[in-house]
Each structure stands twice: as structure tokens, then as C-alpha cells.
């Protein structure tokens, strides 16, 4: 996450500093006066998940035996995903815009389970892993507050909501997320007015509202030996950090 933020800042600040030295001829001076316009977006993102452990649990395994398990789970690494989509933006005021941006987020979360009730030959807890793959269809609704344009750049802040539909859910995974979730999002970006189009790099933080864990997944497992890992987690709170480039 820190690398993403630092990379974004290192790209934006030198450009702003250079362009702020003297006034230059404005590219596309009337582009912000349009009441509505379209665009496309491409980007990368990182998906995070905060898991709340359920603590020791008593379960009945496939062979009918009853066991007490103590398993914890956590996301142990960051795997980048990619984003594609389109946008439509309405001009509300000189400094305010309303944006609708349907997009697809393809990514994964690498989950590591540590089973302290099952030890290996060296007396260490055994481990299981799961790649929790997601393919989100989202439609972000954002209010954008833009500073006055200077030369060929214009920084802005944004806030909004982003309902998402998860199109990827494997019934044979240890954990499964709900098919729908609602994200609150905030971000910062800057418009760069180029001769033929407007480029908008944007850094956005998305926070899932509520518990996104599918609690009914445990009842649908075919392999009951997976049950100790499934019930080891009682809550899952999802987050996404996205660096997106809009072409308008």
C-alpha cells in the first residue's frame, strides 16, 4: 500500500511543480464546460481482507469423530489485480461533478490458515492456504470536488459509494464471500489536459461496509473435513486500494 501511494505522489508532484512555474497555453480549454461526457478507465489495485477469528471450535468431521480445533486465518501477502471500465460524468457546478463508473475488478486474496490443534513432525502448527479469487462488477457513484484549473492540470478530491457484485465464488473453498457488498470510497486525483484528451490518474481507497463473509457456506460443504477451517473465521471486512487512469 505504501509503495502504491509513494509511486503516485512521485508521479504527480514533479508534474505539478513544473507546470506551476509559468502560465502556459491551455489544451482543450472548453472540455470542462460540457454538461456530460464519457470516458474509459484502466488501472491496478490491491485487495485486502480483515478476518476476525472465531477461536476454538468443536466440529464433527467426515468420519463422524468430534474434534476441538484452534485455527486462525490472515491474508499473508498482496497480489495485484487489474481494473477496466467506462465512465459517465455530469457537470453539477464549476467545482463539482457527479461520476458513474461501471467497472470490473479482477483480483485475489491469499489466505493462510494456521492450525494450532494439528502439529507437524517438528511440533509446529500446520498450515493451509487458499487463493480467494474475486471478479467484481461494480458501479461507483462519486461526487468530485475540483480545484480551479491552472494551466493544464486540476487536482480534485472525491467521495462516494460503490456497490459490487462478486461473480466468482467457489463452493469448494474454505472461505467464501457474499455475492454482494457495498463499499464507501474516498480518493484524490488530478486532471491533466493533453492536446487530444484529458488524462486523470487517481488513487482511491474503498472500505467494505459490514461483514462480507458468507456464513451459509459451512452448511454447503461437500467435504466436511474442510469445516474446521471454514468456521474458524466469523467476520470478513474487505478493502481495496486502486490506482486508476481515466481517459476522457
C-alpha atoms as a PDB file:
ATOM      1  CA  UNK A   1       0.000   0.000   0.000  1.00  0.00           C
ATOM      2  CA  UNK A   2       2.804   2.408   0.902  1.00  0.00           C
ATOM      3  CA  UNK A   3       4.555   1.675  -2.400  1.00  0.00           C
ATOM      4  CA  UNK A   4       1.383   2.486  -4.336  1.00  0.00           C
ATOM      5  CA  UNK A   5       0.906   5.795  -2.516  1.00  0.00           C
ATOM      6  CA  UNK A   6       4.540   6.822  -2.850  1.00  0.00           C
ATOM      7  CA  UNK A   7       4.592   5.916  -6.536  1.00  0.00           C
ATOM      8  CA  UNK A   8       1.500   8.009  -7.163  1.00  0.00           C
ATOM      9  CA  UNK A   9       2.909  11.009  -5.282  1.00  0.00           C
ATOM     10  CA  UNK A  10       6.275  10.722  -7.051  1.00  0.00           C
ATOM     11  CA  UNK A  11       4.494  10.848 -10.412  1.00  0.00           C
ATOM     12  CA  UNK A  12       2.119  13.705  -9.640  1.00  0.00           C
ATOM     13  CA  UNK A  13       4.201  16.196  -7.635  1.00  0.00           C
ATOM     14  CA  UNK A  14       7.008  16.774 -10.180  1.00  0.00           C
ATOM     15  CA  UNK A  15       4.418  17.412 -12.886  1.00  0.00           C
ATOM     16  CA  UNK A  16       2.507  19.869 -10.737  1.00  0.00           C
ATOM     17  CA  UNK A  17       5.664  21.671  -9.658  1.00  0.00           C
ATOM     18  CA  UNK A  18       6.922  22.001 -13.219  1.00  0.00           C
ATOM     19  CA  UNK A  19       3.634  23.272 -14.617  1.00  0.00           C
ATOM     20  CA  UNK A  20       3.165  25.781 -11.780  1.00  0.00           C
ATOM     21  CA  UNK A  21       6.263  27.764 -12.712  1.00  0.00           C
ATOM     22  CA  UNK A  22       4.724  29.820 -15.526  1.00  0.00           C
ATOM     23  CA  UNK A  23       1.394  30.078 -17.288  1.00  0.00           C
ATOM     24  CA  UNK A  24       1.115  28.083 -20.488  1.00  0.00           C
ATOM     25  CA  UNK A  25      -1.359  27.771 -23.339  1.00  0.00           C
ATOM     26  CA  UNK A  26      -4.332  25.710 -22.193  1.00  0.00           C
ATOM     27  CA  UNK A  27      -5.137  22.483 -24.000  1.00  0.00           C
ATOM     28  CA  UNK A  28      -8.840  21.771 -24.542  1.00  0.00           C
ATOM     29  CA  UNK A  29      -9.975  24.934 -22.692  1.00  0.00           C
ATOM     30  CA  UNK A  30     -13.708  24.159 -23.018  1.00  0.00           C
ATOM     31  CA  UNK A  31     -13.698  20.472 -22.078  1.00  0.00           C
ATOM     32  CA  UNK A  32     -14.934  21.105 -18.519  1.00  0.00           C
ATOM     33  CA  UNK A  33     -17.897  23.162 -19.744  1.00  0.00           C
ATOM     34  CA  UNK A  34     -19.660  20.145 -21.248  1.00  0.00           C
ATOM     35  CA  UNK A  35     -22.751  19.108 -19.229  1.00  0.00           C
ATOM     36  CA  UNK A  36     -21.946  15.400 -19.751  1.00  0.00           C
ATOM     37  CA  UNK A  37     -19.113  13.315 -21.182  1.00  0.00           C
ATOM     38  CA  UNK A  38     -17.914   9.706 -21.461  1.00  0.00           C
ATOM     39  CA  UNK A  39     -14.558   8.041 -20.886  1.00  0.00           C
ATOM     40  CA  UNK A  40     -12.762   4.767 -20.252  1.00  0.00           C
ATOM     41  CA  UNK A  41     -10.633   3.613 -17.338  1.00  0.00           C
ATOM     42  CA  UNK A  42      -7.745   1.219 -16.763  1.00  0.00           C
ATOM     43  CA  UNK A  43      -5.939   0.525 -13.524  1.00  0.00           C
ATOM     44  CA  UNK A  44      -4.362  -1.745 -10.967  1.00  0.00           C
ATOM     45  CA  UNK A  45      -5.468  -2.449  -7.425  1.00  0.00           C
ATOM     46  CA  UNK A  46      -4.671  -4.356  -4.241  1.00  0.00           C
ATOM     47  CA  UNK A  47      -7.331  -6.275  -2.339  1.00  0.00           C
ATOM     48  CA  UNK A  48      -7.110  -6.600   1.431  1.00  0.00           C
ATOM     49  CA  UNK A  49      -9.293  -8.511   3.872  1.00  0.00           C
ATOM     50  CA  UNK A  50      -9.507  -8.248   7.660  1.00  0.00           C
ATOM     51  CA  UNK A  51     -10.508 -11.600   9.162  1.00  0.00           C
ATOM     52  CA  UNK A  52     -11.895 -11.997  12.693  1.00  0.00           C
ATOM     53  CA  UNK A  53     -11.100 -15.408  14.186  1.00  0.00           C
ATOM     54  CA  UNK A  54     -13.864 -17.396  15.888  1.00  0.00           C
ATOM     55  CA  UNK A  55     -11.484 -19.043  18.392  1.00  0.00           C
ATOM     56  CA  UNK A  56     -11.523 -22.725  19.410  1.00  0.00           C
ATOM     57  CA  UNK A  57     -14.415 -24.673  17.841  1.00  0.00           C
ATOM     58  CA  UNK A  58     -15.882 -28.166  18.288  1.00  0.00           C
ATOM     59  CA  UNK A  59     -16.721 -29.872  14.972  1.00  0.00           C
ATOM     60  CA  UNK A  60     -17.918 -33.213  13.653  1.00  0.00           C
ATOM     61  CA  UNK A  61     -15.615 -34.466  10.874  1.00  0.00           C
ATOM     62  CA  UNK A  62     -16.354 -36.575   7.797  1.00  0.00           C
ATOM     63  CA  UNK A  63     -15.835 -39.871   9.644  1.00  0.00           C
ATOM     64  CA  UNK A  64     -18.172 -38.865  12.482  1.00  0.00           C
ATOM     65  CA  UNK A  65     -15.474 -38.077  15.043  1.00  0.00           C
ATOM     66  CA  UNK A  66     -15.771 -34.964  17.180  1.00  0.00           C
ATOM     67  CA  UNK A  67     -12.723 -32.718  17.475  1.00  0.00           C
ATOM     68  CA  UNK A  68     -11.830 -29.374  19.026  1.00  0.00           C
ATOM     69  CA  UNK A  69      -9.833 -27.130  16.713  1.00  0.00           C
ATOM     70  CA  UNK A  70      -7.967 -23.861  17.147  1.00  0.00           C
ATOM     71  CA  UNK A  71      -7.311 -22.219  13.771  1.00  0.00           C
ATOM     72  CA  UNK A  72      -6.500 -18.633  12.832  1.00  0.00           C
ATOM     73  CA  UNK A  73      -6.548 -17.058   9.372  1.00  0.00           C
ATOM     74  CA  UNK A  74      -4.979 -13.984   7.809  1.00  0.00           C
ATOM     75  CA  UNK A  75      -4.066 -12.531   4.431  1.00  0.00           C
ATOM     76  CA  UNK A  76      -0.323 -13.015   4.268  1.00  0.00           C
ATOM     77  CA  UNK A  77       0.602 -11.185   1.060  1.00  0.00           C
ATOM     78  CA  UNK A  78      -0.548  -8.638  -1.508  1.00  0.00           C
ATOM     79  CA  UNK A  79      -1.411  -9.779  -5.024  1.00  0.00           C
ATOM     80  CA  UNK A  80      -2.099  -7.046  -7.597  1.00  0.00           C
ATOM     81  CA  UNK A  81      -5.242  -7.148  -9.716  1.00  0.00           C
ATOM     82  CA  UNK A  82      -6.425  -5.064 -12.654  1.00  0.00           C
ATOM     83  CA  UNK A  83      -9.435  -2.896 -13.399  1.00  0.00           C
ATOM     84  CA  UNK A  84     -11.237  -1.999 -16.659  1.00  0.00           C
ATOM     85  CA  UNK A  85     -14.384   0.022 -17.180  1.00  0.00           C
ATOM     86  CA  UNK A  86     -16.163   3.062 -18.543  1.00  0.00           C
ATOM     87  CA  UNK A  87     -17.492   6.261 -17.026  1.00  0.00           C
ATOM     88  CA  UNK A  88     -20.088   8.937 -17.497  1.00  0.00           C
ATOM     89  CA  UNK A  89     -19.668  12.295 -15.767  1.00  0.00           C
ATOM     90  CA  UNK A  90     -22.192  15.087 -15.168  1.00  0.00           C
ATOM     91  CA  UNK A  91     -21.178  18.692 -14.563  1.00  0.00           C
ATOM     92  CA  UNK A  92     -23.053  19.949 -11.500  1.00  0.00           C
ATOM     93  CA  UNK A  93     -21.142  23.156 -10.859  1.00  0.00           C
ATOM     94  CA  UNK A  94     -17.854  24.818 -11.713  1.00  0.00           C
ATOM     95  CA  UNK A  95     -16.149  22.784  -8.993  1.00  0.00           C
ATOM     96  CA  UNK A  96     -18.442  19.764  -8.609  1.00  0.00           C
ATOM     97  CA  UNK A  97     -19.041  16.747 -10.845  1.00  0.00           C
ATOM     98  CA  UNK A  98     -21.062  13.569 -10.422  1.00  0.00           C
ATOM     99  CA  UNK A  99     -19.479  10.423 -11.908  1.00  0.00           C
ATOM    100  CA  UNK A 100     -20.913   6.983 -12.614  1.00  0.00           C
ATOM    101  CA  UNK A 101     -18.241   4.386 -13.409  1.00  0.00           C
ATOM    102  CA  UNK A 102     -19.202   0.757 -14.161  1.00  0.00           C
ATOM    103  CA  UNK A 103     -16.073  -1.404 -13.976  1.00  0.00           C
ATOM    104  CA  UNK A 104     -14.687  -4.900 -13.460  1.00  0.00           C
ATOM    105  CA  UNK A 105     -12.153  -5.641 -10.694  1.00  0.00           C
ATOM    106  CA  UNK A 106     -10.206  -8.879 -11.167  1.00  0.00           C
ATOM    107  CA  UNK A 107      -8.024  -9.907  -8.236  1.00  0.00           C
ATOM    108  CA  UNK A 108      -7.230 -12.350  -5.469  1.00  0.00           C
ATOM    109  CA  UNK A 109      -6.576 -12.510  -1.741  1.00  0.00           C
ATOM    110  CA  UNK A 110      -4.068 -15.076  -0.470  1.00  0.00           C
ATOM    111  CA  UNK A 111      -5.353 -16.521   2.833  1.00  0.00           C
ATOM    112  CA  UNK A 112      -3.145 -18.520   5.216  1.00  0.00           C
ATOM    113  CA  UNK A 113      -4.692 -20.742   7.908  1.00  0.00           C
ATOM    114  CA  UNK A 114      -2.589 -21.701  10.954  1.00  0.00           C
ATOM    115  CA  UNK A 115      -3.910 -24.832  12.664  1.00  0.00           C
ATOM    116  CA  UNK A 116      -2.586 -24.927  16.237  1.00  0.00           C
ATOM    117  CA  UNK A 117      -4.565 -28.080  17.037  1.00  0.00           C
ATOM    118  CA  UNK A 118      -2.648 -30.077  14.403  1.00  0.00           C
ATOM    119  CA  UNK A 119       1.162 -30.144  14.674  1.00  0.00           C
ATOM    120  CA  UNK A 120       3.721 -31.272  12.118  1.00  0.00           C
ATOM    121  CA  UNK A 121       6.739 -33.543  12.742  1.00  0.00           C
ATOM    122  CA  UNK A 122       8.689 -30.602  14.180  1.00  0.00           C
ATOM    123  CA  UNK A 123       5.934 -29.687  16.602  1.00  0.00           C
ATOM    124  CA  UNK A 124       4.885 -26.589  14.625  1.00  0.00           C
ATOM    125  CA  UNK A 125       1.273 -25.707  13.704  1.00  0.00           C
ATOM    126  CA  UNK A 126       0.254 -26.983  10.274  1.00  0.00           C
ATOM    127  CA  UNK A 127      -0.710 -24.518   7.554  1.00  0.00           C
ATOM    128  CA  UNK A 128      -3.264 -24.446   4.776  1.00  0.00           C
ATOM    129  CA  UNK A 129      -3.649 -21.783   2.126  1.00  0.00           C
ATOM    130  CA  UNK A 130      -6.405 -20.529  -0.119  1.00  0.00           C
ATOM    131  CA  UNK A 131      -6.373 -18.134  -3.058  1.00  0.00           C
ATOM    132  CA  UNK A 132      -9.647 -16.274  -2.631  1.00  0.00           C
ATOM    133  CA  UNK A 133     -10.237 -15.142  -6.209  1.00  0.00           C
ATOM    134  CA  UNK A 134     -12.735 -12.391  -6.982  1.00  0.00           C
ATOM    135  CA  UNK A 135     -14.246 -10.891 -10.122  1.00  0.00           C
ATOM    136  CA  UNK A 136     -16.243  -7.858  -9.054  1.00  0.00           C
ATOM    137  CA  UNK A 137     -18.699  -5.989 -11.242  1.00  0.00           C
ATOM    138  CA  UNK A 138     -19.010  -2.550  -9.695  1.00  0.00           C
ATOM    139  CA  UNK A 139     -20.831   0.708 -10.365  1.00  0.00           C
ATOM    140  CA  UNK A 140     -19.228   3.581  -8.472  1.00  0.00           C
ATOM    141  CA  UNK A 141     -21.220   6.740  -7.721  1.00  0.00           C
ATOM    142  CA  UNK A 142     -18.839   9.561  -6.832  1.00  0.00           C
ATOM    143  CA  UNK A 143     -19.044  13.272  -6.083  1.00  0.00           C
ATOM    144  CA  UNK A 144     -15.882  15.058  -7.256  1.00  0.00           C
ATOM    145  CA  UNK A 145     -14.713  18.400  -5.885  1.00  0.00           C
ATOM    146  CA  UNK A 146     -12.151  20.007  -8.193  1.00  0.00           C
ATOM    147  CA  UNK A 147      -9.847  22.935  -7.519  1.00  0.00           C
ATOM    148  CA  UNK A 148      -9.717  25.747 -10.098  1.00  0.00           C
ATOM    149  CA  UNK A 149      -7.809  24.795 -13.216  1.00  0.00           C
ATOM    150  CA  UNK A 150      -4.291  26.180 -13.545  1.00  0.00           C
ATOM    151  CA  UNK A 151      -2.506  25.748 -16.861  1.00  0.00           C
ATOM    152  CA  UNK A 152      -3.112  22.129 -17.871  1.00  0.00           C
ATOM    153  CA  UNK A 153      -3.784  20.462 -14.543  1.00  0.00           C
ATOM    154  CA  UNK A 154      -6.564  20.433 -11.969  1.00  0.00           C
ATOM    155  CA  UNK A 155      -6.370  18.446  -8.681  1.00  0.00           C
ATOM    156  CA  UNK A 156      -9.507  17.083  -7.045  1.00  0.00           C
ATOM    157  CA  UNK A 157     -10.949  15.076  -4.139  1.00  0.00           C
ATOM    158  CA  UNK A 158     -13.743  12.523  -4.353  1.00  0.00           C
ATOM    159  CA  UNK A 159     -16.127  10.585  -2.114  1.00  0.00           C
ATOM    160  CA  UNK A 160     -18.856   8.109  -2.925  1.00  0.00           C
ATOM    161  CA  UNK A 161     -20.301   4.625  -2.687  1.00  0.00           C
ATOM    162  CA  UNK A 162     -19.588   1.574  -4.803  1.00  0.00           C
ATOM    163  CA  UNK A 163     -21.951  -1.429  -4.806  1.00  0.00           C
ATOM    164  CA  UNK A 164     -20.188  -4.566  -6.057  1.00  0.00           C
ATOM    165  CA  UNK A 165     -21.347  -7.942  -7.317  1.00  0.00           C
ATOM    166  CA  UNK A 166     -18.900 -10.829  -6.867  1.00  0.00           C
ATOM    167  CA  UNK A 167     -19.149 -13.074  -9.924  1.00  0.00           C
ATOM    168  CA  UNK A 168     -16.581 -15.592  -8.682  1.00  0.00           C
ATOM    169  CA  UNK A 169     -17.470 -17.921  -5.805  1.00  0.00           C
ATOM    170  CA  UNK A 170     -16.040 -21.440  -5.470  1.00  0.00           C
ATOM    171  CA  UNK A 171     -18.150 -23.800  -3.354  1.00  0.00           C
ATOM    172  CA  UNK A 172     -15.074 -25.940  -2.620  1.00  0.00           C
ATOM    173  CA  UNK A 173     -13.074 -23.145  -0.967  1.00  0.00           C
ATOM    174  CA  UNK A 174     -12.516 -22.914   2.769  1.00  0.00           C
ATOM    175  CA  UNK A 175     -13.939 -19.390   2.852  1.00  0.00           C
ATOM    176  CA  UNK A 176     -16.492 -17.777   0.590  1.00  0.00           C
ATOM    177  CA  UNK A 177     -17.551 -14.148   0.373  1.00  0.00           C
ATOM    178  CA  UNK A 178     -21.066 -12.883  -0.144  1.00  0.00           C
ATOM    179  CA  UNK A 179     -22.105 -12.234  -3.716  1.00  0.00           C
ATOM    180  CA  UNK A 180     -22.866  -8.565  -2.989  1.00  0.00           C
ATOM    181  CA  UNK A 181     -21.127  -5.888  -0.973  1.00  0.00           C
ATOM    182  CA  UNK A 182     -21.234  -2.117  -0.602  1.00  0.00           C
ATOM    183  CA  UNK A 183     -18.053  -0.050  -0.414  1.00  0.00           C
ATOM    184  CA  UNK A 184     -17.537   3.502   0.804  1.00  0.00           C
ATOM    185  CA  UNK A 185     -14.739   5.201  -1.096  1.00  0.00           C
ATOM    186  CA  UNK A 186     -12.581   8.292  -0.898  1.00  0.00           C
ATOM    187  CA  UNK A 187      -9.775   9.373  -3.169  1.00  0.00           C
ATOM    188  CA  UNK A 188      -7.568  12.017  -4.671  1.00  0.00           C
ATOM    189  CA  UNK A 189      -6.544  12.662  -8.251  1.00  0.00           C
ATOM    190  CA  UNK A 190      -5.531  15.235 -10.813  1.00  0.00           C
ATOM    191  CA  UNK A 191      -6.750  16.119 -14.307  1.00  0.00           C
ATOM    192  CA  UNK A 192      -4.054  16.587 -16.945  1.00  0.00           C
ATOM    193  CA  UNK A 193      -5.247  18.298 -20.111  1.00  0.00           C
ATOM    194  CA  UNK A 194      -3.373  16.891 -23.069  1.00  0.00           C
ATOM    195  CA  UNK A 195      -3.794  18.095 -26.681  1.00  0.00           C
ATOM    196  CA  UNK A 196      -6.218  15.316 -27.684  1.00  0.00           C
ATOM    197  CA  UNK A 197      -7.719  14.037 -24.427  1.00  0.00           C
ATOM    198  CA  UNK A 198      -7.813  14.513 -20.665  1.00  0.00           C
ATOM    199  CA  UNK A 199      -5.786  12.091 -18.510  1.00  0.00           C
ATOM    200  CA  UNK A 200      -6.866  11.575 -14.909  1.00  0.00           C
ATOM    201  CA  UNK A 201      -4.663   9.476 -12.583  1.00  0.00           C
ATOM    202  CA  UNK A 202      -6.491   8.723  -9.352  1.00  0.00           C
ATOM    203  CA  UNK A 203      -5.713   6.975  -6.077  1.00  0.00           C
ATOM    204  CA  UNK A 204      -8.784   5.605  -4.318  1.00  0.00           C
ATOM    205  CA  UNK A 205      -9.424   3.767  -1.040  1.00  0.00           C
ATOM    206  CA  UNK A 206     -12.504   1.516  -0.756  1.00  0.00           C
ATOM    207  CA  UNK A 207     -13.824   0.120   2.517  1.00  0.00           C
ATOM    208  CA  UNK A 208     -16.430  -2.656   2.601  1.00  0.00           C
ATOM    209  CA  UNK A 209     -19.435  -1.864   4.797  1.00  0.00           C
ATOM    210  CA  UNK A 210     -20.422  -4.708   7.118  1.00  0.00           C
ATOM    211  CA  UNK A 211     -19.445  -8.366   7.334  1.00  0.00           C
ATOM    212  CA  UNK A 212     -18.821  -9.796   3.852  1.00  0.00           C
ATOM    213  CA  UNK A 213     -18.354 -13.429   4.952  1.00  0.00           C
ATOM    214  CA  UNK A 214     -20.872 -15.962   3.606  1.00  0.00           C
ATOM    215  CA  UNK A 215     -21.943 -17.657   6.841  1.00  0.00           C
ATOM    216  CA  UNK A 216     -24.092 -20.214   4.995  1.00  0.00           C
ATOM    217  CA  UNK A 217     -21.069 -21.634   3.197  1.00  0.00           C
ATOM    218  CA  UNK A 218     -20.295 -24.122   6.011  1.00  0.00           C
ATOM    219  CA  UNK A 219     -23.663 -25.868   5.520  1.00  0.00           C
ATOM    220  CA  UNK A 220     -22.982 -26.397   1.803  1.00  0.00           C
ATOM    221  CA  UNK A 221     -19.522 -28.010   2.091  1.00  0.00           C
ATOM    222  CA  UNK A 222     -19.287 -31.450   0.488  1.00  0.00           C
ATOM    223  CA  UNK A 223     -16.040 -32.295   2.263  1.00  0.00           C
ATOM    224  CA  UNK A 224     -16.734 -31.941   5.982  1.00  0.00           C
ATOM    225  CA  UNK A 225     -13.001 -32.176   6.737  1.00  0.00           C
ATOM    226  CA  UNK A 226     -12.816 -28.581   5.449  1.00  0.00           C
ATOM    227  CA  UNK A 227     -15.308 -27.474   8.091  1.00  0.00           C
ATOM    228  CA  UNK A 228     -12.765 -26.609  10.837  1.00  0.00           C
ATOM    229  CA  UNK A 229     -11.168 -24.031   8.520  1.00  0.00           C
ATOM    230  CA  UNK A 230     -14.484 -22.609   7.326  1.00  0.00           C
ATOM    231  CA  UNK A 231     -15.865 -21.981  10.829  1.00  0.00           C
ATOM    232  CA  UNK A 232     -12.541 -20.634  12.126  1.00  0.00           C
ATOM    233  CA  UNK A 233     -13.496 -17.190  10.775  1.00  0.00           C
ATOM    234  CA  UNK A 234     -16.599 -15.316  11.936  1.00  0.00           C
ATOM    235  CA  UNK A 235     -16.191 -11.977  10.124  1.00  0.00           C
ATOM    236  CA  UNK A 236     -14.517 -10.717   6.954  1.00  0.00           C
ATOM    237  CA  UNK A 237     -14.134  -6.999   6.212  1.00  0.00           C
ATOM    238  CA  UNK A 238     -12.857  -6.240   2.721  1.00  0.00           C
ATOM    239  CA  UNK A 239     -10.799  -3.307   1.460  1.00  0.00           C
ATOM    240  CA  UNK A 240      -9.401  -2.254  -1.917  1.00  0.00           C
ATOM    241  CA  UNK A 241      -6.717   0.263  -2.872  1.00  0.00           C
ATOM    242  CA  UNK A 242      -6.955   1.266  -6.538  1.00  0.00           C
ATOM    243  CA  UNK A 243      -4.692   3.315  -8.801  1.00  0.00           C
ATOM    244  CA  UNK A 244      -6.781   4.121 -11.863  1.00  0.00           C
ATOM    245  CA  UNK A 245      -6.150   6.075 -15.068  1.00  0.00           C
ATOM    246  CA  UNK A 246      -9.175   7.710 -16.685  1.00  0.00           C
ATOM    247  CA  UNK A 247      -9.098   8.749 -20.342  1.00  0.00           C
ATOM    248  CA  UNK A 248     -11.736  11.342 -21.192  1.00  0.00           C
END
